[in-house]
Amino acid sequence: MNARVRQPVHSAQHAASYYAASVNRQLDFPPLGGELRADVCVVGGGFSGLNAAIELAQKGLSVVLLEARKVGWGASGRNGGQLIRGVGHGVEQFEPVIGNDGVRQLKLMGLEAVEIVRRRVEQFSIDCDLTWGYCDLANKPSHLAGFAEDAEELRSLGYRHELRLLQAEQMGEVVGSTRYVGGLIDMGSGHLHPLNLALGEAAAAQSLGVQLFENSPVTRIDYGPEVRVHTARGQVRATHLVLGCNAYLGQLQPSLGGKVLPAGSYIIATEPLAEAQAKALIPQNMALCDQRVALDYYRLSADRRLLFGGACHYSGRDPADIAGYMRPKMLKVFPHLKDVRIAYQWGGMIGIGANRLPQIGRLKDQPNVFYAQAYSGHGVNATHLAGKLLAEAIAGQAGGGFELFARVPHMTFPGGRYLRSPLLALGMLWHRLKEVL
């Protein structure tokens, strides 16, 4: 059995983002040429693939990683850099499938995921501006009431980091905006430079013996007890296959591709701000995120730029002028930045699943093919958890974590390749309208 796909044409270089302009190391891996044999072939050089490769190599397995463009080219190297606790949205919805204890385990894994990032950075001394401190922002009183419940639940789970609820009059402690009615400080979440993290993890994987290849899009997969993964100039024969392509999977594996919807998210970065100006915006240098459907998220970079992101486009078409689209959103929060220059603008695709829970499992008809995708905005931490769970399963050490995720069913989006995005866009428009009704 085999699958053949024609890859779309994209730039082989990183997006022209602030992250790409401020990388602290340059890595170049060759395209795959000839035939290789490995225990595991990993397709995708983002956080999912890199962390699966690291975990597998640490368990003594031989690994070849294939990246269609550059390591960290997709969402892993372009995202908002917010490292926030949790996986999924409203995991209580899965109680009929996995039970109360399963729901609790998902919540605990959502906390563990952040700790995996912390340990990875420490173990390999990765310089990625990791900074602790995050605040959920309440747009209305009901959000604040929900934060109080969240804090109580986190404490019941044994969360060891500081949590503090803020009322409207206290919001000046964390943000220089009058837009919010309260917040929840979480000192166990934070922010980082995602592309430097990805490059650091690629270097770590290489140091462990992983063979990495860039500019090597997969053209065909021959399934069977031994998987053969083909590129234009070579092939990899492996006992196991990991698909970690997320929003960029396309038609490489159609049964998985139909369960993840690529959605555009966009970020602007200002010119460097004066120290006093930056401190007035975000006094404690936290990452911040509001609660609207078309959410705003923002933070300061290490050189005091405001990185402001948000929106979520399902059309598949980026705005012609990202800065022109995002700047008004920024000025609603920080109107006093009207004279500040926008230095960078970029976007990219995140992968969204219908139930907002990361999809981690193996193909039913090909038990040696594993996958992880559809992080729905929690990718920085959830990808690292996925890598750990996939490696445990492949090494025959699968505990409750992998099997728990694998038990949750995931809907294929209706409408096929061309209609599923417009259909979901209509649904999201309804949710946005409900916010103002």
Protein backbone atom coordinates (compact mmCIF):
# COMPACT_ATOMS: atom_id res chain seq x y z
CA MET A 1 0.00 0.00 0.00
CA ASN A 2 1.38 3.45 -0.80
CA ALA A 3 0.48 7.12 -0.84
CA ARG A 4 1.80 9.65 -3.34
CA VAL A 5 1.47 13.42 -3.03
CA ARG A 6 2.51 16.50 -4.95
CA GLN A 7 3.91 19.02 -2.49
CA PRO A 8 2.91 22.70 -2.80
CA VAL A 9 5.68 25.13 -3.66
CA HIS A 10 6.84 27.25 -0.72
CA SER A 11 9.95 29.21 0.11
CA ALA A 12 12.67 27.00 1.54
CA GLN A 13 13.74 29.76 3.92
CA HIS A 14 12.14 30.82 7.18
CA ALA A 15 9.36 33.39 7.05
CA ALA A 16 10.64 36.97 7.22
CA SER A 17 9.77 37.34 10.90
CA TYR A 18 11.36 38.96 13.92
CA TYR A 19 12.34 35.46 15.00
CA ALA A 20 14.21 34.71 11.78
CA ALA A 21 15.99 38.07 12.08
CA SER A 22 17.12 37.34 15.64
CA VAL A 23 18.22 33.69 15.56
CA ASN A 24 21.27 32.95 17.68
CA ARG A 25 22.53 30.02 15.63
CA GLN A 26 22.58 29.01 11.98
CA LEU A 27 21.88 25.37 11.16
CA ASP A 28 21.93 23.87 7.70
CA PHE A 29 21.17 20.22 7.11
CA PRO A 30 21.56 18.58 3.69
CA PRO A 31 18.73 17.20 1.55
CA LEU A 32 18.27 13.45 1.75
CA GLY A 33 20.22 11.57 -0.90
CA GLY A 34 20.35 7.82 -1.42
CA GLU A 35 18.85 5.18 0.85
CA LEU A 36 19.00 5.03 4.65
CA ARG A 37 17.75 2.52 7.20
CA ALA A 38 16.57 3.51 10.68
CA ASP A 39 14.38 2.29 13.49
CA VAL A 40 12.17 5.37 13.08
CA CYS A 41 11.60 7.88 10.30
CA VAL A 42 10.15 11.19 11.50
CA VAL A 43 8.47 13.46 8.95
CA GLY A 44 8.34 17.07 10.07
CA GLY A 45 11.03 19.29 11.59
CA GLY A 46 8.86 21.27 13.97
CA PHE A 47 8.47 20.81 17.71
CA SER A 48 6.53 17.54 17.33
CA GLY A 49 9.12 15.84 15.14
CA LEU A 50 12.15 17.27 16.91
CA ASN A 51 10.94 16.21 20.34
CA ALA A 52 9.88 12.77 19.19
CA ALA A 53 13.35 12.38 17.67
CA ILE A 54 15.10 13.52 20.87
CA GLU A 55 13.05 11.22 23.07
CA LEU A 56 13.54 8.26 20.72
CA ALA A 57 17.29 8.80 20.47
CA GLN A 58 17.53 9.00 24.26
CA LYS A 59 15.90 5.57 24.34
CA GLY A 60 18.58 4.16 22.04
CA LEU A 61 16.64 4.04 18.74
CA SER A 62 18.12 5.19 15.43
CA VAL A 63 16.19 8.09 13.90
CA VAL A 64 16.08 9.89 10.55
CA LEU A 65 14.15 13.18 10.45
CA LEU A 66 12.93 14.66 7.16
CA GLU A 67 11.90 18.31 6.91
CA ALA A 68 10.36 19.62 3.69
CA ARG A 69 11.91 23.08 4.12
CA LYS A 70 13.90 24.33 7.14
CA VAL A 71 13.79 23.11 10.72
CA GLY A 72 11.17 25.24 12.49
CA TRP A 73 9.80 26.56 9.17
CA GLY A 74 6.12 26.21 10.15
CA ALA A 75 4.23 27.22 13.28
CA SER A 76 7.06 26.05 15.55
CA GLY A 77 9.27 28.91 14.35
CA ARG A 78 6.58 31.56 13.82
CA ASN A 79 4.17 31.37 16.76
CA GLY A 80 3.55 33.89 19.53
CA GLY A 81 6.10 32.24 21.80
CA GLN A 82 3.63 31.78 24.65
CA LEU A 83 4.28 28.75 26.84
CA ILE A 84 0.94 28.21 28.61
CA ARG A 85 -0.25 25.34 30.77
CA GLY A 86 -2.90 22.96 29.49
CA VAL A 87 -3.81 20.87 26.47
CA GLY A 88 -7.14 21.16 24.73
CA HIS A 89 -10.18 23.24 25.53
CA GLY A 90 -12.86 22.01 27.91
CA VAL A 91 -11.45 18.53 28.37
CA GLU A 92 -14.48 17.63 30.53
CA GLN A 93 -16.30 16.94 27.25
CA PHE A 94 -14.29 13.70 26.91
CA GLU A 95 -15.50 12.23 30.22
CA PRO A 96 -17.97 9.83 28.48
CA VAL A 97 -15.03 8.32 26.56
CA ILE A 98 -12.17 8.35 29.06
CA GLY A 99 -13.94 8.73 32.41
CA ASN A 100 -13.35 11.17 35.24
CA ASP A 101 -9.89 9.81 35.94
CA GLY A 102 -8.97 10.18 32.26
CA VAL A 103 -10.04 13.82 32.31
CA ARG A 104 -7.91 14.39 35.39
CA GLN A 105 -4.93 12.75 33.69
CA LEU A 106 -5.32 15.04 30.67
CA LYS A 107 -5.26 18.04 32.98
CA LEU A 108 -2.14 16.76 34.74
CA MET A 109 -0.44 16.16 31.40
CA GLY A 110 -1.27 19.75 30.46
CA LEU A 111 0.87 20.81 33.41
CA GLU A 112 3.60 18.25 32.68
CA ALA A 113 3.90 19.56 29.11
CA VAL A 114 5.29 22.90 30.30
CA GLU A 115 7.74 21.12 32.58
CA ILE A 116 9.03 19.09 29.62
CA VAL A 117 9.96 22.35 27.89
CA ARG A 118 11.61 23.63 31.07
CA ARG A 119 13.70 20.45 31.35
CA ARG A 120 14.61 20.42 27.67
CA VAL A 121 15.93 23.97 27.82
CA GLU A 122 17.91 23.24 30.99
CA GLN A 123 19.33 19.90 29.84
CA PHE A 124 20.67 21.21 26.55
CA SER A 125 21.37 24.81 27.67
CA ILE A 126 19.16 26.23 24.92
CA ASP A 127 19.30 30.03 24.72
CA CYS A 128 15.71 30.93 23.81
CA ASP A 129 14.86 33.83 26.19
CA LEU A 130 12.69 31.61 28.38
CA THR A 131 10.90 33.93 30.82
CA TRP A 132 8.37 32.89 33.46
CA GLY A 133 5.11 34.77 34.06
CA TYR A 134 1.78 34.78 32.25
CA CYS A 135 -1.59 36.45 32.77
CA ASP A 136 -5.00 35.43 31.47
CA LEU A 137 -7.00 38.58 30.72
CA ALA A 138 -10.73 38.85 31.45
CA ASN A 139 -12.79 40.76 28.89
CA LYS A 140 -15.96 40.49 31.01
CA PRO A 141 -16.93 39.50 34.57
CA SER A 142 -17.86 35.94 33.61
CA HIS A 143 -14.27 35.38 32.46
CA LEU A 144 -12.99 36.48 35.86
CA ALA A 145 -15.37 34.09 37.62
CA GLY A 146 -14.03 31.32 35.39
CA PHE A 147 -10.46 32.24 36.34
CA ALA A 148 -11.30 31.80 40.02
CA GLU A 149 -12.57 28.30 39.27
CA ASP A 150 -9.47 27.56 37.19
CA ALA A 151 -7.17 28.59 40.02
CA GLU A 152 -9.05 26.44 42.51
CA GLU A 153 -8.85 23.43 40.21
CA LEU A 154 -5.14 23.94 39.53
CA ARG A 155 -4.46 23.97 43.26
CA SER A 156 -6.47 20.76 43.64
CA LEU A 157 -4.21 19.18 41.00
CA GLY A 158 -1.16 20.06 43.07
CA TYR A 159 0.01 22.95 40.87
CA ARG A 160 3.20 24.20 42.50
CA HIS A 161 3.45 27.65 40.93
CA GLU A 162 2.05 30.98 42.12
CA LEU A 163 -1.50 31.80 41.02
CA ARG A 164 -3.07 35.16 41.81
CA LEU A 165 -6.44 36.57 40.83
CA LEU A 166 -6.51 40.27 39.91
CA GLN A 167 -9.50 42.61 40.03
CA ALA A 168 -9.99 45.44 37.55
CA GLU A 169 -8.26 48.03 39.74
CA GLN A 170 -5.18 45.79 40.01
CA MET A 171 -4.65 45.23 36.29
CA GLY A 172 -2.10 48.02 36.08
CA GLU A 173 0.29 45.61 37.79
CA VAL A 174 0.51 43.51 34.63
CA VAL A 175 -0.72 45.55 31.65
CA GLY A 176 -0.87 49.21 30.68
CA SER A 177 -4.39 49.03 29.29
CA THR A 178 -7.86 49.74 30.69
CA ARG A 179 -9.46 47.14 28.43
CA TYR A 180 -9.75 44.34 31.00
CA VAL A 181 -11.91 43.67 34.06
CA GLY A 182 -9.48 41.31 35.77
CA GLY A 183 -6.91 38.60 35.28
CA LEU A 184 -5.20 35.48 36.57
CA ILE A 185 -1.44 35.53 37.08
CA ASP A 186 0.29 32.17 36.54
CA MET A 187 4.00 32.05 37.30
CA GLY A 188 4.29 28.50 35.95
CA SER A 189 3.65 29.62 32.37
CA GLY A 190 5.65 32.13 30.36
CA HIS A 191 7.16 32.98 27.02
CA LEU A 192 10.20 32.31 24.81
CA HIS A 193 11.79 32.72 21.37
CA PRO A 194 10.26 29.73 19.55
CA LEU A 195 12.61 29.57 16.57
CA ASN A 196 15.68 29.61 18.81
CA LEU A 197 14.07 26.83 20.84
CA ALA A 198 13.47 24.77 17.68
CA LEU A 199 17.01 25.29 16.44
CA GLY A 200 18.39 24.42 19.86
CA GLU A 201 16.37 21.22 19.86
CA ALA A 202 17.58 20.36 16.36
CA ALA A 203 21.16 20.74 17.58
CA ALA A 204 20.31 18.58 20.60
CA ALA A 205 18.80 15.89 18.37
CA GLN A 206 21.89 15.88 16.15
CA SER A 207 24.15 15.56 19.20
CA LEU A 208 22.18 12.43 20.16
CA GLY A 209 22.79 10.82 16.77
CA VAL A 210 19.60 11.79 14.93
CA GLN A 211 20.19 12.28 11.19
CA LEU A 212 18.38 15.43 10.05
CA PHE A 213 17.64 16.41 6.46
CA GLU A 214 16.14 19.70 5.24
CA ASN A 215 14.61 20.60 1.88
CA SER A 216 13.45 16.99 1.64
CA PRO A 217 9.68 16.94 1.07
CA VAL A 218 8.18 13.48 1.15
CA THR A 219 6.72 12.46 -2.20
CA ARG A 220 5.46 8.97 -1.39
CA ILE A 221 5.01 6.61 1.52
CA ASP A 222 4.98 2.84 1.01
CA TYR A 223 3.26 1.33 4.03
CA GLY A 224 3.84 -2.13 5.43
CA PRO A 225 5.82 -3.90 8.18
CA GLU A 226 8.76 -1.87 6.88
CA VAL A 227 7.79 1.64 5.86
CA ARG A 228 9.53 3.24 2.89
CA VAL A 229 9.48 7.04 2.85
CA HIS A 230 10.46 8.57 -0.49
CA THR A 231 11.80 12.02 -1.34
CA ALA A 232 12.90 13.36 -4.71
CA ARG A 233 16.47 12.15 -4.20
CA GLY A 234 16.29 9.33 -1.70
CA GLN A 235 14.33 7.08 0.59
CA VAL A 236 14.26 5.96 4.21
CA ARG A 237 13.40 2.41 5.24
CA ALA A 238 12.14 2.24 8.81
CA THR A 239 10.30 0.00 11.22
CA HIS A 240 8.22 2.91 12.50
CA LEU A 241 7.01 6.19 11.01
CA VAL A 242 6.06 9.41 12.83
CA LEU A 243 4.01 12.04 10.99
CA GLY A 244 4.46 15.41 12.68
CA CYS A 245 3.41 17.81 9.93
CA ASN A 246 0.33 19.33 11.60
CA ALA A 247 -1.22 22.12 9.48
CA TYR A 248 1.18 21.36 6.63
CA LEU A 249 0.32 17.67 6.26
CA GLY A 250 -1.81 18.31 3.17
CA GLN A 251 -2.62 15.17 1.20
CA LEU A 252 0.40 13.19 2.35
CA GLN A 253 -1.92 11.16 4.61
CA PRO A 254 -5.53 12.06 3.63
CA SER A 255 -7.26 10.30 6.53
CA LEU A 256 -5.29 12.46 8.96
CA GLY A 257 -5.30 15.58 6.82
CA GLY A 258 -9.09 15.72 6.91
CA LYS A 259 -9.07 15.92 10.72
CA VAL A 260 -6.92 19.03 11.00
CA LEU A 261 -7.87 22.44 9.66
CA PRO A 262 -5.09 24.91 8.79
CA ALA A 263 -5.94 28.36 10.18
CA GLY A 264 -3.93 31.53 9.71
CA SER A 265 -2.60 33.42 12.73
CA TYR A 266 -0.71 36.71 12.49
CA ILE A 267 1.85 38.70 14.47
CA ILE A 268 3.40 42.15 14.29
CA ALA A 269 6.52 43.33 16.09
CA THR A 270 7.21 46.97 16.86
CA GLU A 271 10.52 48.71 16.76
CA PRO A 272 12.44 48.41 20.06
CA LEU A 273 10.76 50.44 22.78
CA ALA A 274 12.44 52.59 25.40
CA GLU A 275 12.82 50.76 28.70
CA ALA A 276 10.28 52.99 30.46
CA GLN A 277 7.77 52.61 27.62
CA ALA A 278 8.09 48.82 27.60
CA LYS A 279 7.69 48.67 31.38
CA ALA A 280 4.55 50.81 31.15
CA LEU A 281 3.03 48.37 28.67
CA ILE A 282 3.86 45.11 30.48
CA PRO A 283 5.31 45.97 33.90
CA GLN A 284 6.29 42.40 34.85
CA ASN A 285 7.37 41.23 31.38
CA MET A 286 4.65 38.58 31.24
CA ALA A 287 2.94 36.92 28.31
CA LEU A 288 -0.71 37.94 28.12
CA CYS A 289 -3.78 36.61 26.32
CA ASP A 290 -7.44 37.61 26.37
CA GLN A 291 -10.52 35.37 26.18
CA ARG A 292 -12.29 36.41 22.98
CA VAL A 293 -12.88 34.02 20.08
CA ALA A 294 -10.63 36.20 17.88
CA LEU A 295 -8.17 36.50 20.74
CA ASP A 296 -5.32 38.98 21.24
CA TYR A 297 -2.04 37.68 22.65
CA TYR A 298 1.09 39.70 23.22
CA ARG A 299 4.40 39.98 25.06
CA LEU A 300 7.74 41.75 24.99
CA SER A 301 10.77 40.38 23.18
CA ALA A 302 14.20 40.30 24.79
CA ASP A 303 15.07 43.58 23.03
CA ARG A 304 11.82 45.24 24.23
CA ARG A 305 9.68 45.01 21.11
CA LEU A 306 5.95 44.47 21.55
CA LEU A 307 5.01 41.25 19.77
CA PHE A 308 1.25 41.43 19.21
CA GLY A 309 -0.63 38.52 17.68
CA GLY A 310 -4.12 37.28 17.08
CA ALA A 311 -6.87 36.76 14.54
CA CYS A 312 -7.63 33.34 13.17
CA HIS A 313 -8.37 33.06 9.47
CA TYR A 314 -9.90 29.91 8.01
CA SER A 315 -10.04 31.14 4.44
CA GLY A 316 -6.54 29.94 3.56
CA ARG A 317 -5.67 33.44 2.34
CA ASP A 318 -3.40 35.73 4.35
CA PRO A 319 -4.27 39.43 4.59
CA ALA A 320 -2.54 41.41 1.86
CA ASP A 321 -1.15 43.76 4.53
CA ILE A 322 -0.69 41.96 7.85
CA ALA A 323 0.51 45.10 9.62
CA GLY A 324 -2.46 47.06 8.30
CA TYR A 325 -4.75 44.31 9.56
CA MET A 326 -3.16 43.82 12.99
CA ARG A 327 -2.13 47.38 13.91
CA PRO A 328 -5.72 48.56 14.64
CA LYS A 329 -6.14 45.58 16.98
CA MET A 330 -2.96 46.57 18.81
CA LEU A 331 -4.09 50.19 19.10
CA LYS A 332 -7.39 49.16 20.69
CA VAL A 333 -5.33 47.72 23.54
CA PHE A 334 -2.50 50.25 23.51
CA PRO A 335 -3.73 53.45 21.81
CA HIS A 336 -0.63 55.34 22.98
CA LEU A 337 1.47 53.30 20.51
CA LYS A 338 -0.01 55.15 17.53
CA ASP A 339 3.38 56.68 16.61
CA VAL A 340 5.40 53.49 17.08
CA ARG A 341 6.73 51.89 13.90
CA ILE A 342 5.90 48.28 13.00
CA ALA A 343 9.21 46.62 12.13
CA TYR A 344 8.07 43.06 11.30
CA GLN A 345 4.87 41.40 10.16
CA TRP A 346 4.29 37.73 9.49
CA GLY A 347 1.80 34.91 9.67
CA GLY A 348 1.51 31.17 9.40
CA MET A 349 -0.76 28.20 9.75
CA ILE A 350 -1.75 26.53 13.00
CA GLY A 351 -3.60 23.20 13.04
CA ILE A 352 -7.06 23.07 14.60
CA GLY A 353 -9.12 19.98 15.36
CA ALA A 354 -12.89 19.90 15.71
CA ASN A 355 -12.82 19.12 19.44
CA ARG A 356 -9.67 21.20 20.21
CA LEU A 357 -7.79 18.26 21.76
CA PRO A 358 -4.39 17.38 20.28
CA GLN A 359 -4.62 14.32 18.07
CA ILE A 360 -1.99 11.80 19.19
CA GLY A 361 -2.20 8.18 18.10
CA ARG A 362 -1.44 5.58 15.46
CA LEU A 363 -3.16 4.64 12.21
CA LYS A 364 -5.68 1.83 12.73
CA ASP A 365 -4.72 -0.02 9.56
CA GLN A 366 -0.99 0.72 9.91
CA PRO A 367 -0.03 0.16 13.56
CA ASN A 368 3.60 1.14 12.97
CA VAL A 369 2.59 4.65 11.80
CA PHE A 370 2.21 7.25 14.56
CA TYR A 371 1.08 10.87 14.40
CA ALA A 372 0.61 14.05 16.40
CA GLN A 373 -1.23 17.14 15.18
CA ALA A 374 -4.02 19.71 15.76
CA TYR A 375 -2.73 21.58 18.81
CA SER A 376 -5.30 24.38 18.39
CA GLY A 377 -3.14 27.17 19.78
CA HIS A 378 -1.38 25.26 22.59
CA GLY A 379 1.40 23.92 20.41
CA VAL A 380 4.53 25.08 22.21
CA ASN A 381 3.87 22.87 25.21
CA ALA A 382 1.60 20.18 23.72
CA THR A 383 4.10 19.28 20.99
CA HIS A 384 6.71 18.50 23.61
CA LEU A 385 4.26 16.25 25.44
CA ALA A 386 3.36 14.58 22.14
CA GLY A 387 7.00 13.82 21.41
CA LYS A 388 7.38 12.11 24.77
CA LEU A 389 4.19 10.06 24.39
CA LEU A 390 5.02 8.97 20.84
CA ALA A 391 8.50 7.85 21.83
CA GLU A 392 7.14 5.85 24.76
CA ALA A 393 4.64 4.10 22.50
CA ILE A 394 7.21 3.27 19.81
CA ALA A 395 9.68 1.99 22.42
CA GLY A 396 6.99 -0.26 23.87
CA GLN A 397 6.74 1.79 27.04
CA ALA A 398 3.30 3.26 26.38
CA GLY A 399 1.64 4.20 29.63
CA GLY A 400 -1.73 5.75 30.17
CA GLY A 401 -0.85 8.97 28.40
CA PHE A 402 -0.55 7.79 24.80
CA GLU A 403 -3.45 5.37 25.07
CA LEU A 404 -5.62 8.06 26.67
CA PHE A 405 -5.15 10.44 23.76
CA ALA A 406 -5.53 7.62 21.24
CA ARG A 407 -8.93 6.64 22.69
CA VAL A 408 -10.52 10.01 21.92
CA PRO A 409 -12.23 9.99 18.50
CA HIS A 410 -11.67 12.92 16.13
CA MET A 411 -14.13 14.08 13.52
CA THR A 412 -13.19 14.58 9.89
CA PHE A 413 -14.17 18.11 8.89
CA PRO A 414 -17.10 18.11 6.45
CA GLY A 415 -16.84 19.65 3.02
CA GLY A 416 -13.62 18.08 1.82
CA ARG A 417 -10.44 20.01 1.05
CA TYR A 418 -12.15 23.03 -0.45
CA LEU A 419 -15.31 23.55 1.60
CA ARG A 420 -14.25 22.72 5.15
CA SER A 421 -12.51 26.07 5.71
CA PRO A 422 -15.47 28.24 4.57
CA LEU A 423 -17.88 26.11 6.62
CA LEU A 424 -15.80 26.52 9.76
CA ALA A 425 -15.35 30.23 9.09
CA LEU A 426 -19.14 30.60 9.16
CA GLY A 427 -19.30 28.72 12.44
CA MET A 428 -16.62 30.89 14.02
CA LEU A 429 -18.43 34.03 12.82
CA TRP A 430 -21.48 32.86 14.76
CA HIS A 431 -19.39 32.46 17.92
CA ARG A 432 -17.99 35.98 17.49
CA LEU A 433 -21.45 37.41 17.03
CA LYS A 434 -22.57 35.71 20.25
CA GLU A 435 -19.82 37.57 22.12
CA VAL A 436 -21.46 40.92 21.35
CA LEU A 437 -25.11 39.86 21.61
